[in-house]
Amino acid sequence: MFALVIGMLERRRIQAPILILAFVTGCASSSSVKPAIDAPTHFLARAPDGRTVEPVGGEDCQNPMIDPRDGAALILIRSSGGHGDYQAPVARYGVRRGELLRIECGTGRVVGIVRR
């Protein structure tokens, strides 16, 4: 891929800064995590009987996760590598439209806010 980019740069020196900026920005934004705002120290899981319980260790993400302060439910959208990306209630934890709250599945701790 880099050979392709370098070849393009050699042919079009004027567009080089634009291509480099677009490439770097695209890579950086896809993996960036923003800090959450006013989130609990960790979220709880909802047991099959409806009780809220501590998350079970391991990489399996539970659905939903519950804010122990007020019972707000977060819905699992996707998971990978022991992290779950959850849809938060509107305007909670600093999550905006097009963003999800990333949580460590085994502990319920907040990682931060990621793009949907």
C-alpha atoms as a PDB file:
ATOM      1  CA  MET A   1       0.000   0.000   0.000  1.00  0.00           C
ATOM      2  CA  PHE A   2       2.822   2.385   0.858  1.00  0.00           C
ATOM      3  CA  ALA A   3       4.437   1.684  -2.532  1.00  0.00           C
ATOM      4  CA  LEU A   4       1.211   2.776  -4.217  1.00  0.00           C
ATOM      5  CA  VAL A   5       1.096   5.986  -2.180  1.00  0.00           C
ATOM      6  CA  ILE A   6       4.763   6.763  -2.873  1.00  0.00           C
ATOM      7  CA  GLY A   7       4.230   6.167  -6.591  1.00  0.00           C
ATOM      8  CA  MET A   8       1.324   8.598  -6.557  1.00  0.00           C
ATOM      9  CA  LEU A   9       3.403  11.140  -4.674  1.00  0.00           C
ATOM     10  CA  GLU A  10       6.255  10.945  -7.176  1.00  0.00           C
ATOM     11  CA  ARG A  11       3.877  11.660 -10.057  1.00  0.00           C
ATOM     12  CA  ARG A  12       1.911  14.416  -8.364  1.00  0.00           C
ATOM     13  CA  ARG A  13       4.127  16.387  -6.013  1.00  0.00           C
ATOM     14  CA  ILE A  14       1.554  19.145  -5.527  1.00  0.00           C
ATOM     15  CA  GLN A  15      -1.028  16.776  -4.063  1.00  0.00           C
ATOM     16  CA  ALA A  16       1.464  15.016  -1.773  1.00  0.00           C
ATOM     17  CA  PRO A  17       0.663  16.940   1.420  1.00  0.00           C
ATOM     18  CA  ILE A  18      -3.063  16.405   0.908  1.00  0.00           C
ATOM     19  CA  LEU A  19      -2.680  12.661   0.359  1.00  0.00           C
ATOM     20  CA  ILE A  20      -0.438  12.233   3.381  1.00  0.00           C
ATOM     21  CA  LEU A  21      -2.804  14.216   5.601  1.00  0.00           C
ATOM     22  CA  ALA A  22      -5.831  12.218   4.408  1.00  0.00           C
ATOM     23  CA  PHE A  23      -4.043   8.903   4.952  1.00  0.00           C
ATOM     24  CA  VAL A  24      -2.824   9.759   8.453  1.00  0.00           C
ATOM     25  CA  THR A  25      -6.118  11.321   9.537  1.00  0.00           C
ATOM     26  CA  GLY A  26      -8.127   8.366   8.275  1.00  0.00           C
ATOM     27  CA  CYS A  27      -5.990   5.880  10.188  1.00  0.00           C
ATOM     28  CA  ALA A  28      -5.921   7.889  13.390  1.00  0.00           C
ATOM     29  CA  SER A  29      -9.641   8.623  13.604  1.00  0.00           C
ATOM     30  CA  SER A  30     -10.716   5.006  13.226  1.00  0.00           C
ATOM     31  CA  SER A  31      -8.928   3.932  16.399  1.00  0.00           C
ATOM     32  CA  SER A  32      -9.302   7.002  18.597  1.00  0.00           C
ATOM     33  CA  VAL A  33     -11.013   6.739  21.961  1.00  0.00           C
ATOM     34  CA  LYS A  34     -12.364   9.814  23.743  1.00  0.00           C
ATOM     35  CA  PRO A  35     -12.816   9.915  27.520  1.00  0.00           C
ATOM     36  CA  ALA A  36     -16.314   9.399  28.875  1.00  0.00           C
ATOM     37  CA  ILE A  37     -17.949  12.030  31.078  1.00  0.00           C
ATOM     38  CA  ASP A  38     -19.682  11.323  34.405  1.00  0.00           C
ATOM     39  CA  ALA A  39     -19.652   7.537  33.989  1.00  0.00           C
ATOM     40  CA  PRO A  40     -19.791   5.179  36.977  1.00  0.00           C
ATOM     41  CA  THR A  41     -16.616   3.425  38.137  1.00  0.00           C
ATOM     42  CA  HIS A  42     -18.009   0.330  36.427  1.00  0.00           C
ATOM     43  CA  PHE A  43     -21.265  -0.960  34.984  1.00  0.00           C
ATOM     44  CA  LEU A  44     -23.208  -3.980  36.198  1.00  0.00           C
ATOM     45  CA  ALA A  45     -24.764  -6.777  34.139  1.00  0.00           C
ATOM     46  CA  ARG A  46     -28.395  -7.858  34.199  1.00  0.00           C
ATOM     47  CA  ALA A  47     -28.868 -11.486  35.242  1.00  0.00           C
ATOM     48  CA  PRO A  48     -31.548 -13.657  33.582  1.00  0.00           C
ATOM     49  CA  ASP A  49     -33.755 -13.219  36.662  1.00  0.00           C
ATOM     50  CA  GLY A  50     -33.580  -9.409  36.297  1.00  0.00           C
ATOM     51  CA  ARG A  51     -31.166  -8.678  39.149  1.00  0.00           C
ATOM     52  CA  THR A  52     -28.101  -6.526  38.537  1.00  0.00           C
ATOM     53  CA  VAL A  53     -24.867  -8.400  39.179  1.00  0.00           C
ATOM     54  CA  GLU A  54     -21.131  -7.848  38.824  1.00  0.00           C
ATOM     55  CA  PRO A  55     -19.891  -8.686  35.306  1.00  0.00           C
ATOM     56  CA  VAL A  56     -18.507 -12.184  34.904  1.00  0.00           C
ATOM     57  CA  GLY A  57     -14.776 -12.245  34.130  1.00  0.00           C
ATOM     58  CA  GLY A  58     -13.677 -13.263  30.656  1.00  0.00           C
ATOM     59  CA  GLU A  59     -14.164 -11.864  27.202  1.00  0.00           C
ATOM     60  CA  ASP A  60     -17.904 -12.474  26.780  1.00  0.00           C
ATOM     61  CA  CYS A  61     -19.849  -9.233  26.735  1.00  0.00           C
ATOM     62  CA  GLN A  62     -23.148  -9.177  28.558  1.00  0.00           C
ATOM     63  CA  ASN A  63     -26.254  -7.411  27.344  1.00  0.00           C
ATOM     64  CA  PRO A  64     -27.537  -5.103  28.671  1.00  0.00           C
ATOM     65  CA  MET A  65     -25.071  -3.384  30.988  1.00  0.00           C
ATOM     66  CA  ILE A  66     -26.631  -1.306  33.771  1.00  0.00           C
ATOM     67  CA  ASP A  67     -25.550   1.971  35.372  1.00  0.00           C
ATOM     68  CA  PRO A  68     -25.656   1.138  39.108  1.00  0.00           C
ATOM     69  CA  ARG A  69     -26.433   4.754  40.020  1.00  0.00           C
ATOM     70  CA  ASP A  70     -29.805   5.007  38.272  1.00  0.00           C
ATOM     71  CA  GLY A  71     -30.511   1.745  36.427  1.00  0.00           C
ATOM     72  CA  ALA A  72     -29.937   3.156  32.911  1.00  0.00           C
ATOM     73  CA  ALA A  73     -29.459   0.302  30.423  1.00  0.00           C
ATOM     74  CA  LEU A  74     -26.772   0.198  27.719  1.00  0.00           C
ATOM     75  CA  ILE A  75     -27.393  -2.042  24.707  1.00  0.00           C
ATOM     76  CA  LEU A  76     -24.548  -4.062  23.157  1.00  0.00           C
ATOM     77  CA  ILE A  77     -23.977  -3.167  19.500  1.00  0.00           C
ATOM     78  CA  ARG A  78     -20.696  -5.020  18.814  1.00  0.00           C
ATOM     79  CA  SER A  79     -17.859  -6.700  20.680  1.00  0.00           C
ATOM     80  CA  SER A  80     -14.295  -7.803  20.053  1.00  0.00           C
ATOM     81  CA  GLY A  81     -11.239  -8.683  22.115  1.00  0.00           C
ATOM     82  CA  GLY A  82     -12.916  -8.415  25.490  1.00  0.00           C
ATOM     83  CA  HIS A  83     -14.462  -4.995  24.795  1.00  0.00           C
ATOM     84  CA  GLY A  84     -18.075  -4.199  24.055  1.00  0.00           C
ATOM     85  CA  ASP A  85     -19.362  -1.107  22.272  1.00  0.00           C
ATOM     86  CA  TYR A  86     -22.696  -0.101  23.780  1.00  0.00           C
ATOM     87  CA  GLN A  87     -25.459   2.283  22.738  1.00  0.00           C
ATOM     88  CA  ALA A  88     -25.878   4.664  25.661  1.00  0.00           C
ATOM     89  CA  PRO A  89     -29.035   6.585  26.567  1.00  0.00           C
ATOM     90  CA  VAL A  90     -29.296   9.923  24.750  1.00  0.00           C
ATOM     91  CA  ALA A  91     -26.792  12.549  25.924  1.00  0.00           C
ATOM     92  CA  ARG A  92     -25.253  10.329  28.636  1.00  0.00           C
ATOM     93  CA  TYR A  93     -21.557   9.889  29.435  1.00  0.00           C
ATOM     94  CA  GLY A  94     -20.559  12.364  26.706  1.00  0.00           C
ATOM     95  CA  VAL A  95     -21.706  10.014  23.925  1.00  0.00           C
ATOM     96  CA  ARG A  96     -22.982  11.864  20.865  1.00  0.00           C
ATOM     97  CA  ARG A  97     -24.826  10.775  17.770  1.00  0.00           C
ATOM     98  CA  GLY A  98     -22.735   8.251  15.830  1.00  0.00           C
ATOM     99  CA  GLU A  99     -20.746   7.209  18.913  1.00  0.00           C
ATOM    100  CA  LEU A 100     -20.782   4.272  21.319  1.00  0.00           C
ATOM    101  CA  LEU A 101     -19.510   3.715  24.846  1.00  0.00           C
ATOM    102  CA  ARG A 102     -16.727   1.090  24.979  1.00  0.00           C
ATOM    103  CA  ILE A 103     -16.685  -1.074  28.107  1.00  0.00           C
ATOM    104  CA  GLU A 104     -14.332  -3.836  29.293  1.00  0.00           C
ATOM    105  CA  CYS A 105     -16.637  -6.844  29.271  1.00  0.00           C
ATOM    106  CA  GLY A 106     -15.049  -8.736  32.158  1.00  0.00           C
ATOM    107  CA  THR A 107     -14.972  -5.801  34.591  1.00  0.00           C
ATOM    108  CA  GLY A 108     -17.649  -3.366  33.419  1.00  0.00           C
ATOM    109  CA  ARG A 109     -15.074  -0.536  33.443  1.00  0.00           C
ATOM    110  CA  VAL A 110     -15.395   2.231  30.887  1.00  0.00           C
ATOM    111  CA  VAL A 111     -12.695   2.441  28.213  1.00  0.00           C
ATOM    112  CA  GLY A 112     -14.117   5.533  26.507  1.00  0.00           C
ATOM    113  CA  ILE A 113     -16.174   6.734  23.573  1.00  0.00           C
ATOM    114  CA  VAL A 114     -15.654   5.364  20.054  1.00  0.00           C
ATOM    115  CA  ARG A 115     -17.191   5.995  16.656  1.00  0.00           C
ATOM    116  CA  ARG A 116     -20.127   3.848  15.676  1.00  0.00           C
END
